[in-house]
Amino acid sequence: MPKKIGKFAESYADEAGITAKKAKQKNPKESPSRAPAPESAPDAGAVEDVFKVRVDPRNYRIHPEKNKKLIRKSLSENGAGRSIVVDKTGASIGGSGVLEQANQLGLKQRIVETDGSELVVVVRKDIAPDDPRRKQLALADNATTDQSEWDEDLLKADWSAEELDGWGVDGIFDSKPEAYTQKIDGLTYEPTGEKVSISELFDSTKYRELTAEIEATPNIAKEVKEMLIVAASRHIVFDYRKMAEYYAQASPEIQRLMEKSALVIIDFENAIQNGFVALSAALKEAKELSK
């Protein structure tokens, strides 16, 4: 990048970004008979000959599809808001999500050179205080950030827990339980016609041990005893593969009762799949959201 190109330099983006090449100056007074000076070794700290605005592949933020859609919606309806920042080679430091969507929309770009000693203020001269786009931009500026998330693997590779804590980023190194998700990836089971007995459908060994201990314990109030026995039922283990076999051969009335107890799971398209019948509407909505 030329060291002095004025306060502002404007160019237009190609598909990946902006390309600006340094022009090598020729001395008009140089004698044509003079031998050229030998080339010196490149300066390791010099700016690259090719400057290209591009998304840094090691961006610390992950932008899910919903986040990308919100950014694209704001750019399309309200225009660009705050600026992005890149390093001297053009790789994005902040605003990678905006840069990606702006490139897809074909927005032209204006380069503002700074050494960080000044705050670059973006003035939207087309937006008045009562312009509806003003509040839309204010909302989008925060909403789009909330819809992105940390790339924890990259943060762990580049930072320690203490360093991140100094920037108010915590929980990255904490062990996390398996997260709940709206995505429905059920295990489909197709009944084979195997004959199964009622005793094969569940194992109540632990439940019976607990209830016997509860009954044998003196001085327990009736309400407490009932609560403990109900809680003990959580230890009944069902064999859902065999439950599906039994369900497939049961009468319609028994099937209805099994469905209401969520002992089997019915699919929206293929008849036998994961999804409680009583919650079919809510699960179907969740399934659509997970696509």
Protein backbone atom coordinates (compact mmCIF):
# COMPACT_ATOMS: atom_id res chain seq x y z
CA MET A 1 0.00 0.00 0.00
CA PRO A 2 1.48 3.44 -0.84
CA LYS A 3 2.58 5.23 2.24
CA LYS A 4 0.76 8.46 1.22
CA ILE A 5 -2.43 8.26 -0.78
CA GLY A 6 -4.28 11.07 0.96
CA LYS A 7 -6.75 10.92 3.79
CA PHE A 8 -9.19 8.83 1.76
CA ALA A 9 -8.67 6.48 -1.14
CA GLU A 10 -11.70 5.07 -2.93
CA SER A 11 -11.86 1.98 -5.08
CA TYR A 12 -14.38 -0.70 -5.90
CA ALA A 13 -14.65 -4.27 -4.76
CA ASP A 14 -14.31 -7.32 -6.91
CA GLU A 15 -15.83 -10.60 -5.73
CA ALA A 16 -13.29 -11.15 -2.94
CA GLY A 17 -12.48 -7.53 -2.06
CA ILE A 18 -10.36 -4.61 -3.15
CA THR A 19 -7.00 -4.87 -4.91
CA ALA A 20 -4.63 -1.94 -4.98
CA LYS A 21 -1.10 -2.31 -6.31
CA LYS A 22 1.85 -0.10 -5.58
CA ALA A 23 3.09 1.67 -8.66
CA LYS A 24 6.88 1.70 -8.98
CA GLN A 25 8.18 5.15 -9.77
CA LYS A 26 10.72 5.71 -12.56
CA ASN A 27 13.18 8.58 -12.38
CA PRO A 28 12.68 10.66 -15.59
CA LYS A 29 16.19 12.10 -15.26
CA GLU A 30 17.86 8.74 -14.98
CA SER A 31 20.42 8.14 -17.76
CA PRO A 32 19.45 5.20 -19.99
CA SER A 33 23.07 4.10 -20.06
CA ARG A 34 23.31 3.84 -16.31
CA ALA A 35 23.26 0.26 -15.02
CA PRO A 36 20.34 -0.52 -12.70
CA ALA A 37 21.12 -0.76 -9.00
CA PRO A 38 20.99 -4.27 -7.57
CA GLU A 39 17.72 -5.15 -5.84
CA SER A 40 17.91 -5.15 -2.05
CA ALA A 41 16.42 -7.89 0.09
CA PRO A 42 12.74 -7.30 0.90
CA ASP A 43 11.93 -5.63 4.18
CA ALA A 44 10.11 -8.14 6.39
CA GLY A 45 8.04 -5.34 7.92
CA ALA A 46 7.02 -3.73 4.64
CA VAL A 47 3.43 -3.77 3.37
CA GLU A 48 2.80 -6.45 0.75
CA ASP A 49 2.78 -5.38 -2.90
CA VAL A 50 -0.83 -6.54 -3.19
CA PHE A 51 -3.38 -5.15 -0.75
CA LYS A 52 -6.65 -7.07 -0.74
CA VAL A 53 -9.57 -6.61 1.64
CA ARG A 54 -10.65 -10.10 2.63
CA VAL A 55 -12.22 -12.08 5.47
CA ASP A 56 -9.65 -13.45 7.91
CA PRO A 57 -10.05 -17.26 7.98
CA ARG A 58 -9.03 -17.20 11.66
CA ASN A 59 -11.96 -15.06 12.70
CA TYR A 60 -12.79 -15.53 16.38
CA ARG A 61 -16.51 -15.24 15.73
CA ILE A 62 -18.67 -17.91 14.10
CA HIS A 63 -21.52 -16.52 12.00
CA PRO A 64 -24.44 -18.98 11.76
CA GLU A 65 -26.85 -18.69 8.86
CA LYS A 66 -29.39 -16.74 10.93
CA ASN A 67 -26.70 -14.18 11.79
CA LYS A 68 -25.70 -13.84 8.13
CA LYS A 69 -29.31 -13.29 7.11
CA LEU A 70 -29.74 -10.51 9.68
CA ILE A 71 -26.58 -8.74 8.52
CA ARG A 72 -27.64 -9.07 4.90
CA LYS A 73 -31.14 -7.78 5.75
CA SER A 74 -29.71 -4.70 7.49
CA LEU A 75 -27.26 -3.93 4.68
CA SER A 76 -30.00 -4.33 2.07
CA GLU A 77 -32.65 -2.27 3.84
CA ASN A 78 -30.59 0.30 5.76
CA GLY A 79 -27.23 0.45 4.01
CA ALA A 80 -23.85 0.14 5.73
CA GLY A 81 -23.55 1.35 9.31
CA ARG A 82 -20.32 1.23 11.27
CA SER A 83 -17.01 0.60 9.51
CA ILE A 84 -14.87 -2.55 9.60
CA VAL A 85 -11.16 -2.72 10.43
CA VAL A 86 -8.43 -4.63 8.57
CA ASP A 87 -4.67 -5.02 9.06
CA LYS A 88 -2.11 -3.57 6.64
CA THR A 89 -2.47 -6.57 4.33
CA GLY A 90 -6.27 -6.21 4.15
CA ALA A 91 -7.22 -9.18 6.37
CA SER A 92 -10.25 -8.38 8.53
CA ILE A 93 -9.75 -7.78 12.26
CA GLY A 94 -13.28 -6.71 13.12
CA GLY A 95 -16.43 -6.85 11.02
CA SER A 96 -15.78 -10.09 9.16
CA GLY A 97 -19.46 -10.98 9.04
CA VAL A 98 -20.37 -7.58 7.59
CA LEU A 99 -17.54 -7.78 5.03
CA GLU A 100 -18.66 -11.19 3.81
CA GLN A 101 -22.26 -10.09 3.26
CA ALA A 102 -21.27 -6.71 1.78
CA ASN A 103 -19.12 -8.48 -0.79
CA GLN A 104 -22.02 -10.74 -1.74
CA LEU A 105 -24.25 -7.69 -2.17
CA GLY A 106 -21.60 -5.98 -4.28
CA LEU A 107 -21.29 -2.89 -2.06
CA LYS A 108 -18.43 -0.60 -3.05
CA GLN A 109 -15.83 0.13 -0.40
CA ARG A 110 -13.94 3.20 0.75
CA ILE A 111 -10.51 2.80 2.34
CA VAL A 112 -9.62 5.10 5.25
CA GLU A 113 -6.00 4.90 6.34
CA THR A 114 -5.23 5.42 10.03
CA ASP A 115 -2.61 4.48 12.60
CA GLY A 116 -5.20 4.11 15.35
CA SER A 117 -4.56 7.52 16.90
CA GLU A 118 -7.90 8.85 15.63
CA LEU A 119 -11.45 7.58 15.98
CA VAL A 120 -12.95 7.13 12.53
CA VAL A 121 -16.53 8.43 12.72
CA VAL A 122 -18.93 7.21 10.04
CA VAL A 123 -21.51 9.89 9.26
CA ARG A 124 -24.67 8.72 7.52
CA LYS A 125 -25.62 12.07 5.95
CA ASP A 126 -28.75 10.50 4.44
CA ILE A 127 -30.26 9.55 7.82
CA ALA A 128 -32.15 12.15 9.85
CA PRO A 129 -33.13 11.67 13.53
CA ASP A 130 -36.69 10.72 12.54
CA ASP A 131 -35.65 8.34 9.72
CA PRO A 132 -36.98 4.81 10.45
CA ARG A 133 -33.66 3.39 9.29
CA ARG A 134 -31.96 5.06 12.24
CA LYS A 135 -33.64 2.85 14.84
CA GLN A 136 -33.37 -0.17 12.54
CA LEU A 137 -29.61 0.30 12.32
CA ALA A 138 -29.37 0.73 16.10
CA LEU A 139 -31.28 -2.50 16.62
CA ALA A 140 -29.40 -4.46 13.95
CA ASP A 141 -26.03 -3.34 15.32
CA ASN A 142 -26.73 -5.19 18.57
CA ALA A 143 -28.99 -7.99 17.33
CA THR A 144 -26.50 -9.26 14.76
CA THR A 145 -23.74 -9.44 17.38
CA ASP A 146 -25.98 -11.47 19.69
CA GLN A 147 -26.61 -14.00 16.92
CA SER A 148 -22.91 -14.83 16.44
CA GLU A 149 -20.80 -16.97 18.78
CA TRP A 150 -17.20 -17.54 19.79
CA ASP A 151 -15.00 -20.00 17.90
CA GLU A 152 -13.80 -21.65 21.10
CA ASP A 153 -11.19 -23.82 19.40
CA LEU A 154 -9.44 -20.78 17.91
CA LEU A 155 -9.59 -18.88 21.20
CA LYS A 156 -8.08 -21.83 23.07
CA ALA A 157 -5.30 -22.06 20.49
CA ASP A 158 -4.38 -18.36 20.74
CA TRP A 159 -5.18 -17.39 24.33
CA SER A 160 -4.96 -18.63 27.89
CA ALA A 161 -7.91 -18.58 30.29
CA GLU A 162 -6.26 -15.77 32.27
CA GLU A 163 -5.73 -13.64 29.16
CA LEU A 164 -9.33 -14.09 28.04
CA ASP A 165 -10.58 -13.24 31.52
CA GLY A 166 -8.71 -9.94 31.26
CA TRP A 167 -10.90 -9.11 28.25
CA GLY A 168 -14.10 -10.24 29.94
CA VAL A 169 -14.34 -13.46 27.90
CA ASP A 170 -14.97 -16.29 30.32
CA GLY A 171 -16.26 -19.85 30.23
CA ILE A 172 -14.24 -20.83 27.14
CA PHE A 173 -12.09 -23.30 29.04
CA ASP A 174 -14.91 -24.57 31.26
CA SER A 175 -16.08 -28.13 30.70
CA LYS A 176 -19.58 -28.03 29.27
CA PRO A 177 -22.32 -30.67 29.34
CA GLU A 178 -23.78 -31.75 26.06
CA ALA A 179 -25.90 -28.86 24.85
CA TYR A 180 -29.59 -29.13 24.11
CA THR A 181 -30.50 -28.56 20.50
CA GLN A 182 -33.60 -28.05 18.40
CA LYS A 183 -32.18 -30.35 15.76
CA ILE A 184 -34.07 -33.63 15.50
CA ASP A 185 -31.91 -36.50 14.34
CA GLY A 186 -33.88 -39.48 15.54
CA LEU A 187 -32.89 -43.11 15.22
CA THR A 188 -35.41 -44.77 12.94
CA TYR A 189 -36.40 -48.30 13.96
CA GLU A 190 -38.41 -50.55 11.68
CA PRO A 191 -40.22 -53.39 13.52
CA THR A 192 -39.21 -56.88 12.40
CA GLY A 193 -42.24 -58.81 13.70
CA GLU A 194 -40.38 -60.23 16.71
CA LYS A 195 -42.69 -61.54 19.41
CA VAL A 196 -41.97 -59.94 22.78
CA SER A 197 -43.55 -60.37 26.21
CA ILE A 198 -44.55 -57.62 28.62
CA SER A 199 -41.73 -58.59 31.00
CA GLU A 200 -39.17 -57.86 28.24
CA LEU A 201 -40.33 -54.28 27.75
CA PHE A 202 -38.86 -52.81 30.95
CA ASP A 203 -36.57 -53.49 33.91
CA SER A 204 -38.00 -52.37 37.25
CA THR A 205 -35.33 -53.95 39.48
CA LYS A 206 -33.98 -50.66 40.84
CA TYR A 207 -37.49 -49.26 41.29
CA ARG A 208 -38.59 -52.27 43.35
CA GLU A 209 -35.47 -52.06 45.54
CA LEU A 210 -36.07 -48.39 46.27
CA THR A 211 -39.78 -48.77 47.01
CA ALA A 212 -39.07 -51.67 49.37
CA GLU A 213 -36.55 -49.51 51.24
CA ILE A 214 -39.01 -46.60 51.36
CA GLU A 215 -41.79 -48.82 52.71
CA ALA A 216 -39.46 -50.29 55.33
CA THR A 217 -38.32 -46.88 56.61
CA PRO A 218 -40.29 -45.84 59.71
CA ASN A 219 -41.67 -42.42 60.58
CA ILE A 220 -42.12 -41.16 57.00
CA ALA A 221 -45.16 -38.99 56.42
CA LYS A 222 -47.67 -40.37 53.94
CA GLU A 223 -47.20 -37.49 51.48
CA VAL A 224 -43.41 -37.82 51.61
CA LYS A 225 -43.59 -41.56 51.06
CA GLU A 226 -45.82 -41.08 48.02
CA MET A 227 -43.40 -38.52 46.60
CA LEU A 228 -40.40 -40.81 47.08
CA ILE A 229 -42.17 -43.74 45.43
CA VAL A 230 -43.12 -41.58 42.45
CA ALA A 231 -39.51 -40.38 42.20
CA ALA A 232 -38.26 -43.96 42.34
CA SER A 233 -40.22 -44.73 39.17
CA ARG A 234 -37.60 -42.75 37.24
CA HIS A 235 -35.33 -45.76 37.64
CA ILE A 236 -37.56 -47.99 35.54
CA VAL A 237 -35.61 -48.72 32.36
CA PHE A 238 -37.56 -49.22 29.12
CA ASP A 239 -36.34 -51.20 26.13
CA TYR A 240 -37.63 -49.00 23.32
CA ARG A 241 -36.60 -51.36 20.53
CA LYS A 242 -38.78 -54.09 22.01
CA MET A 243 -41.42 -51.49 22.84
CA ALA A 244 -41.66 -50.70 19.13
CA GLU A 245 -42.08 -54.39 18.33
CA TYR A 246 -44.86 -54.71 20.88
CA TYR A 247 -46.54 -51.52 19.65
CA ALA A 248 -46.56 -52.72 16.03
CA GLN A 249 -48.56 -55.81 17.04
CA ALA A 250 -50.87 -54.19 19.61
CA SER A 251 -54.50 -53.21 19.09
CA PRO A 252 -55.33 -49.64 18.01
CA GLU A 253 -56.58 -48.80 21.51
CA ILE A 254 -53.34 -50.05 23.16
CA GLN A 255 -51.31 -48.19 20.54
CA ARG A 256 -53.17 -44.97 21.35
CA LEU A 257 -52.43 -45.34 25.07
CA MET A 258 -48.77 -46.12 24.39
CA GLU A 259 -48.51 -43.02 22.23
CA LYS A 260 -50.05 -40.84 24.94
CA SER A 261 -47.47 -42.21 27.41
CA ALA A 262 -44.68 -41.50 24.88
CA LEU A 263 -43.63 -45.14 24.93
CA VAL A 264 -43.26 -44.96 21.17
CA ILE A 265 -42.25 -42.08 18.92
CA ILE A 266 -44.07 -41.28 15.69
CA ASP A 267 -42.50 -39.60 12.65
CA PHE A 268 -44.13 -36.78 10.74
CA GLU A 269 -43.45 -38.30 7.32
CA ASN A 270 -42.59 -41.99 7.68
CA ALA A 271 -45.02 -43.14 10.42
CA ILE A 272 -42.40 -44.56 12.87
CA GLN A 273 -39.64 -42.15 13.94
CA ASN A 274 -38.60 -39.98 16.88
CA GLY A 275 -41.12 -37.31 17.97
CA PHE A 276 -43.75 -37.59 20.75
CA VAL A 277 -47.26 -37.74 19.34
CA ALA A 278 -48.67 -35.45 22.00
CA LEU A 279 -46.02 -32.86 21.07
CA SER A 280 -46.08 -33.41 17.32
CA ALA A 281 -46.99 -29.80 16.48
CA ALA A 282 -44.22 -28.32 18.64
CA LEU A 283 -41.66 -30.84 17.42
CA LYS A 284 -42.58 -30.23 13.82
CA GLU A 285 -42.02 -26.50 14.33
CA ALA A 286 -38.67 -27.21 15.98
CA LYS A 287 -37.71 -29.49 13.13
CA GLU A 288 -38.46 -26.77 10.61
CA LEU A 289 -36.34 -24.30 12.60
CA SER A 290 -33.41 -26.73 12.68
CA LYS A 291 -33.23 -26.95 8.87
